[in-house]
């Protein structure tokens, strides 16, 4: 859970918000244009600072 919090923080959001977004997507209640706009907003707010977090292909494809 600690790693999830760190990753969410690096993305400029919270674990709670990520779970909410996932459930909305699962239920088919998302607007792709709104999602793209939110992604852009978060990207600009983060100003490219990943705080040392790097993408790891194996982690991205893990099946908890």
PDB file of N, CA and C in Angstrom:
ATOM      1  N   UNK A   1       0.821  -1.191   0.000  1.00  0.00           N
ATOM      2  CA  UNK A   1       0.000   0.000   0.000  1.00  0.00           C
ATOM      3  C   UNK A   1       0.865   1.255   0.000  1.00  0.00           C
ATOM      4  N   UNK A   2       1.995   1.196   0.662  1.00  0.00           N
ATOM      5  CA  UNK A   2       2.903   2.342   0.718  1.00  0.00           C
ATOM      6  C   UNK A   2       3.390   2.709  -0.688  1.00  0.00           C
ATOM      7  N   UNK A   3       3.729   1.694  -1.484  1.00  0.00           N
ATOM      8  CA  UNK A   3       4.192   1.941  -2.857  1.00  0.00           C
ATOM      9  C   UNK A   3       3.075   2.555  -3.696  1.00  0.00           C
ATOM     10  N   UNK A   4       1.852   2.109  -3.491  1.00  0.00           N
ATOM     11  CA  UNK A   4       0.715   2.682  -4.222  1.00  0.00           C
ATOM     12  C   UNK A   4       0.547   4.155  -3.876  1.00  0.00           C
ATOM     13  N   UNK A   5       0.714   4.489  -2.617  1.00  0.00           N
ATOM     14  CA  UNK A   5       0.619   5.894  -2.204  1.00  0.00           C
ATOM     15  C   UNK A   5       1.716   6.735  -2.843  1.00  0.00           C
ATOM     16  N   UNK A   6       2.917   6.194  -2.874  1.00  0.00           N
ATOM     17  CA  UNK A   6       4.042   6.939  -3.482  1.00  0.00           C
ATOM     18  C   UNK A   6       3.792   7.162  -4.974  1.00  0.00           C
ATOM     19  N   UNK A   7       3.306   6.149  -5.643  1.00  0.00           N
ATOM     20  CA  UNK A   7       3.048   6.292  -7.083  1.00  0.00           C
ATOM     21  C   UNK A   7       1.910   7.268  -7.346  1.00  0.00           C
ATOM     22  N   UNK A   8       0.866   7.186  -6.563  1.00  0.00           N
ATOM     23  CA  UNK A   8      -0.248   8.122  -6.726  1.00  0.00           C
ATOM     24  C   UNK A   8       0.233   9.546  -6.490  1.00  0.00           C
ATOM     25  N   UNK A   9       1.043   9.747  -5.481  1.00  0.00           N
ATOM     26  CA  UNK A   9       1.574  11.076  -5.185  1.00  0.00           C
ATOM     27  C   UNK A   9       2.406  11.593  -6.355  1.00  0.00           C
ATOM     28  N   UNK A  10       3.220  10.722  -6.935  1.00  0.00           N
ATOM     29  CA  UNK A  10       4.041  11.118  -8.083  1.00  0.00           C
ATOM     30  C   UNK A  10       3.169  11.502  -9.270  1.00  0.00           C
ATOM     31  N   UNK A  11       1.956  10.943  -9.330  1.00  0.00           N
ATOM     32  CA  UNK A  11       1.019  11.256 -10.412  1.00  0.00           C
ATOM     33  C   UNK A  11       0.161  12.481 -10.084  1.00  0.00           C
ATOM     34  N   UNK A  12       0.339  13.010  -8.880  1.00  0.00           N
ATOM     35  CA  UNK A  12      -0.429  14.184  -8.486  1.00  0.00           C
ATOM     36  C   UNK A  12      -1.848  13.865  -8.071  1.00  0.00           C
ATOM     37  N   UNK A  13      -2.070  12.679  -7.551  1.00  0.00           N
ATOM     38  CA  UNK A  13      -3.410  12.267  -7.148  1.00  0.00           C
ATOM     39  C   UNK A  13      -3.305  11.402  -5.895  1.00  0.00           C
ATOM     40  N   UNK A  14      -4.394  10.756  -5.540  1.00  0.00           N
ATOM     41  CA  UNK A  14      -4.408   9.890  -4.365  1.00  0.00           C
ATOM     42  C   UNK A  14      -4.819   8.479  -4.782  1.00  0.00           C
ATOM     43  N   UNK A  15      -4.531   7.520  -3.924  1.00  0.00           N
ATOM     44  CA  UNK A  15      -4.955   6.141  -4.179  1.00  0.00           C
ATOM     45  C   UNK A  15      -6.476   6.108  -4.269  1.00  0.00           C
ATOM     46  N   UNK A  16      -7.137   6.856  -3.406  1.00  0.00           N
ATOM     47  CA  UNK A  16      -8.590   6.930  -3.414  1.00  0.00           C
ATOM     48  C   UNK A  16      -9.118   7.360  -4.780  1.00  0.00           C
ATOM     49  N   UNK A  17      -8.524   8.420  -5.336  1.00  0.00           N
ATOM     50  CA  UNK A  17      -8.956   8.925  -6.635  1.00  0.00           C
ATOM     51  C   UNK A  17      -8.677   7.915  -7.741  1.00  0.00           C
ATOM     52  N   UNK A  18      -7.550   7.244  -7.679  1.00  0.00           N
ATOM     53  CA  UNK A  18      -7.237   6.230  -8.688  1.00  0.00           C
ATOM     54  C   UNK A  18      -8.235   5.081  -8.640  1.00  0.00           C
ATOM     55  N   UNK A  19      -8.604   4.646  -7.446  1.00  0.00           N
ATOM     56  CA  UNK A  19      -9.594   3.573  -7.305  1.00  0.00           C
ATOM     57  C   UNK A  19     -10.944   4.040  -7.838  1.00  0.00           C
ATOM     58  N   UNK A  20     -11.329   5.261  -7.509  1.00  0.00           N
ATOM     59  CA  UNK A  20     -12.589   5.818  -7.994  1.00  0.00           C
ATOM     60  C   UNK A  20     -12.616   5.835  -9.527  1.00  0.00           C
ATOM     61  N   UNK A  21     -11.517   6.296 -10.126  1.00  0.00           N
ATOM     62  CA  UNK A  21     -11.439   6.344 -11.582  1.00  0.00           C
ATOM     63  C   UNK A  21     -11.514   4.947 -12.189  1.00  0.00           C
ATOM     64  N   UNK A  22     -10.827   3.991 -11.562  1.00  0.00           N
ATOM     65  CA  UNK A  22     -10.868   2.622 -12.051  1.00  0.00           C
ATOM     66  C   UNK A  22     -12.294   2.071 -12.027  1.00  0.00           C
ATOM     67  N   UNK A  23     -12.993   2.306 -10.929  1.00  0.00           N
ATOM     68  CA  UNK A  23     -14.363   1.800 -10.815  1.00  0.00           C
ATOM     69  C   UNK A  23     -15.292   2.471 -11.816  1.00  0.00           C
ATOM     70  N   UNK A  24     -15.082   3.746 -12.070  1.00  0.00           N
ATOM     71  CA  UNK A  24     -15.884   4.439 -13.073  1.00  0.00           C
ATOM     72  C   UNK A  24     -15.630   3.860 -14.461  1.00  0.00           C
ATOM     73  N   UNK A  25     -14.367   3.569 -14.755  1.00  0.00           N
ATOM     74  CA  UNK A  25     -14.040   2.963 -16.039  1.00  0.00           C
ATOM     75  C   UNK A  25     -14.658   1.574 -16.138  1.00  0.00           C
ATOM     76  N   UNK A  26     -14.575   0.816 -15.075  1.00  0.00           N
ATOM     77  CA  UNK A  26     -15.130  -0.531 -15.045  1.00  0.00           C
ATOM     78  C   UNK A  26     -16.639  -0.494 -15.302  1.00  0.00           C
ATOM     79  N   UNK A  27     -17.298   0.504 -14.743  1.00  0.00           N
ATOM     80  CA  UNK A  27     -18.742   0.634 -14.915  1.00  0.00           C
ATOM     81  C   UNK A  27     -19.103   1.318 -16.241  1.00  0.00           C
ATOM     82  N   UNK A  28     -18.092   1.751 -16.988  1.00  0.00           N
ATOM     83  CA  UNK A  28     -18.352   2.385 -18.269  1.00  0.00           C
ATOM     84  C   UNK A  28     -18.894   3.790 -18.150  1.00  0.00           C
ATOM     85  N   UNK A  29     -18.525   4.482 -17.088  1.00  0.00           N
ATOM     86  CA  UNK A  29     -19.070   5.815 -16.841  1.00  0.00           C
ATOM     87  C   UNK A  29     -18.036   6.918 -17.053  1.00  0.00           C
ATOM     88  N   UNK A  30     -17.125   6.723 -17.945  1.00  0.00           N
ATOM     89  CA  UNK A  30     -16.133   7.756 -18.154  1.00  0.00           C
ATOM     90  C   UNK A  30     -16.339   8.432 -19.496  1.00  0.00           C
ATOM     91  N   UNK A  31     -15.866   9.623 -19.589  1.00  0.00           N
ATOM     92  CA  UNK A  31     -15.912  10.411 -20.804  1.00  0.00           C
ATOM     93  C   UNK A  31     -14.475  10.509 -21.313  1.00  0.00           C
ATOM     94  N   UNK A  32     -14.161   9.888 -22.440  1.00  0.00           N
ATOM     95  CA  UNK A  32     -12.772   9.899 -22.928  1.00  0.00           C
ATOM     96  C   UNK A  32     -12.193  11.306 -23.077  1.00  0.00           C
ATOM     97  N   UNK A  33     -12.987  12.256 -23.519  1.00  0.00           N
ATOM     98  CA  UNK A  33     -12.483  13.624 -23.669  1.00  0.00           C
ATOM     99  C   UNK A  33     -12.163  14.240 -22.299  1.00  0.00           C
ATOM    100  N   UNK A  34     -13.024  13.986 -21.325  1.00  0.00           N
ATOM    101  CA  UNK A  34     -12.779  14.493 -19.970  1.00  0.00           C
ATOM    102  C   UNK A  34     -11.550  13.806 -19.371  1.00  0.00           C
ATOM    103  N   UNK A  35     -11.399  12.513 -19.637  1.00  0.00           N
ATOM    104  CA  UNK A  35     -10.226  11.784 -19.150  1.00  0.00           C
ATOM    105  C   UNK A  35      -8.947  12.361 -19.743  1.00  0.00           C
ATOM    106  N   UNK A  36      -8.963  12.658 -21.046  1.00  0.00           N
ATOM    107  CA  UNK A  36      -7.782  13.228 -21.703  1.00  0.00           C
ATOM    108  C   UNK A  36      -7.467  14.605 -21.126  1.00  0.00           C
ATOM    109  N   UNK A  37      -8.494  15.398 -20.887  1.00  0.00           N
ATOM    110  CA  UNK A  37      -8.291  16.732 -20.314  1.00  0.00           C
ATOM    111  C   UNK A  37      -7.725  16.631 -18.899  1.00  0.00           C
ATOM    112  N   UNK A  38      -8.213  15.682 -18.109  1.00  0.00           N
ATOM    113  CA  UNK A  38      -7.704  15.485 -16.751  1.00  0.00           C
ATOM    114  C   UNK A  38      -6.251  15.009 -16.779  1.00  0.00           C
ATOM    115  N   UNK A  39      -5.946  14.112 -17.707  1.00  0.00           N
ATOM    116  CA  UNK A  39      -4.567  13.641 -17.855  1.00  0.00           C
ATOM    117  C   UNK A  39      -3.645  14.815 -18.201  1.00  0.00           C
ATOM    118  N   UNK A  40      -4.081  15.644 -19.116  1.00  0.00           N
ATOM    119  CA  UNK A  40      -3.272  16.807 -19.486  1.00  0.00           C
ATOM    120  C   UNK A  40      -3.083  17.744 -18.297  1.00  0.00           C
ATOM    121  N   UNK A  41      -4.149  17.985 -17.543  1.00  0.00           N
ATOM    122  CA  UNK A  41      -4.064  18.861 -16.369  1.00  0.00           C
ATOM    123  C   UNK A  41      -3.068  18.312 -15.355  1.00  0.00           C
ATOM    124  N   UNK A  42      -3.164  17.010 -15.071  1.00  0.00           N
ATOM    125  CA  UNK A  42      -2.258  16.385 -14.107  1.00  0.00           C
ATOM    126  C   UNK A  42      -0.817  16.395 -14.616  1.00  0.00           C
ATOM    127  N   UNK A  43      -0.643  16.185 -15.908  1.00  0.00           N
ATOM    128  CA  UNK A  43       0.701  16.197 -16.490  1.00  0.00           C
ATOM    129  C   UNK A  43       1.339  17.565 -16.350  1.00  0.00           C
ATOM    130  N   UNK A  44       0.570  18.596 -16.625  1.00  0.00           N
ATOM    131  CA  UNK A  44       1.098  19.958 -16.518  1.00  0.00           C
ATOM    132  C   UNK A  44       1.385  20.311 -15.049  1.00  0.00           C
ATOM    133  N   UNK A  45       0.531  19.868 -14.144  1.00  0.00           N
ATOM    134  CA  UNK A  45       0.711  20.161 -12.720  1.00  0.00           C
ATOM    135  C   UNK A  45       1.952  19.471 -12.169  1.00  0.00           C
ATOM    136  N   UNK A  46       2.269  18.282 -12.678  1.00  0.00           N
ATOM    137  CA  UNK A  46       3.418  17.525 -12.189  1.00  0.00           C
ATOM    138  C   UNK A  46       4.731  18.129 -12.679  1.00  0.00           C
ATOM    139  N   UNK A  47       4.688  18.898 -13.730  1.00  0.00           N
ATOM    140  CA  UNK A  47       5.867  19.571 -14.289  1.00  0.00           C
ATOM    141  C   UNK A  47       7.022  18.611 -14.539  1.00  0.00           C
ATOM    142  N   UNK A  48       6.686  17.379 -14.900  1.00  0.00           N
ATOM    143  CA  UNK A  48       7.715  16.421 -15.283  1.00  0.00           C
ATOM    144  C   UNK A  48       8.537  15.868 -14.142  1.00  0.00           C
ATOM    145  N   UNK A  49       8.144  16.095 -12.904  1.00  0.00           N
ATOM    146  CA  UNK A  49       8.914  15.608 -11.772  1.00  0.00           C
ATOM    147  C   UNK A  49       8.314  14.292 -11.285  1.00  0.00           C
ATOM    148  N   UNK A  50       8.975  13.197 -11.609  1.00  0.00           N
ATOM    149  CA  UNK A  50       8.485  11.887 -11.181  1.00  0.00           C
ATOM    150  C   UNK A  50       9.023  11.495  -9.814  1.00  0.00           C
ATOM    151  N   UNK A  51       9.792  12.406  -9.197  1.00  0.00           N
ATOM    152  CA  UNK A  51      10.380  12.169  -7.876  1.00  0.00           C
ATOM    153  C   UNK A  51      11.164  10.873  -7.828  1.00  0.00           C
ATOM    154  N   UNK A  52      11.828  10.570  -8.929  1.00  0.00           N
ATOM    155  CA  UNK A  52      12.676   9.391  -8.978  1.00  0.00           C
ATOM    156  C   UNK A  52      11.986   8.121  -9.421  1.00  0.00           C
ATOM    157  N   UNK A  53      10.656   8.135  -9.526  1.00  0.00           N
ATOM    158  CA  UNK A  53       9.950   6.933  -9.957  1.00  0.00           C
ATOM    159  C   UNK A  53      10.173   6.718 -11.438  1.00  0.00           C
ATOM    160  N   UNK A  54      10.471   5.484 -11.817  1.00  0.00           N
ATOM    161  CA  UNK A  54      10.687   5.153 -13.215  1.00  0.00           C
ATOM    162  C   UNK A  54       9.778   4.001 -13.602  1.00  0.00           C
ATOM    163  N   UNK A  55       9.336   4.023 -14.842  1.00  0.00           N
ATOM    164  CA  UNK A  55       8.515   2.929 -15.340  1.00  0.00           C
ATOM    165  C   UNK A  55       9.333   1.651 -15.362  1.00  0.00           C
ATOM    166  N   UNK A  56       8.702   0.584 -14.979  1.00  0.00           N
ATOM    167  CA  UNK A  56       9.323  -0.721 -14.970  1.00  0.00           C
ATOM    168  C   UNK A  56       8.352  -1.668 -15.660  1.00  0.00           C
ATOM    169  N   UNK A  57       8.730  -2.173 -16.814  1.00  0.00           N
ATOM    170  CA  UNK A  57       7.832  -2.997 -17.622  1.00  0.00           C
ATOM    171  C   UNK A  57       7.232  -4.153 -16.822  1.00  0.00           C
ATOM    172  N   UNK A  58       8.032  -4.838 -16.041  1.00  0.00           N
ATOM    173  CA  UNK A  58       7.532  -5.987 -15.286  1.00  0.00           C
ATOM    174  C   UNK A  58       6.471  -5.546 -14.260  1.00  0.00           C
ATOM    175  N   UNK A  59       6.740  -4.432 -13.565  1.00  0.00           N
ATOM    176  CA  UNK A  59       5.771  -3.943 -12.582  1.00  0.00           C
ATOM    177  C   UNK A  59       4.472  -3.538 -13.250  1.00  0.00           C
ATOM    178  N   UNK A  60       4.577  -2.912 -14.424  1.00  0.00           N
ATOM    179  CA  UNK A  60       3.378  -2.456 -15.120  1.00  0.00           C
ATOM    180  C   UNK A  60       2.481  -3.614 -15.527  1.00  0.00           C
ATOM    181  N   UNK A  61       3.101  -4.783 -15.755  1.00  0.00           N
ATOM    182  CA  UNK A  61       2.327  -5.931 -16.220  1.00  0.00           C
ATOM    183  C   UNK A  61       2.065  -6.963 -15.142  1.00  0.00           C
ATOM    184  N   UNK A  62       2.404  -6.648 -13.892  1.00  0.00           N
ATOM    185  CA  UNK A  62       2.141  -7.574 -12.793  1.00  0.00           C
ATOM    186  C   UNK A  62       0.655  -7.789 -12.637  1.00  0.00           C
ATOM    187  N   UNK A  63       0.292  -8.963 -12.310  1.00  0.00           N
ATOM    188  CA  UNK A  63      -1.114  -9.307 -12.041  1.00  0.00           C
ATOM    189  C   UNK A  63      -1.230  -9.666 -10.565  1.00  0.00           C
ATOM    190  N   UNK A  64      -1.414  -8.624  -9.707  1.00  0.00           N
ATOM    191  CA  UNK A  64      -1.502  -8.778  -8.258  1.00  0.00           C
ATOM    192  C   UNK A  64      -2.214  -9.942  -7.852  1.00  0.00           C
TER     193      UNK A  64
END
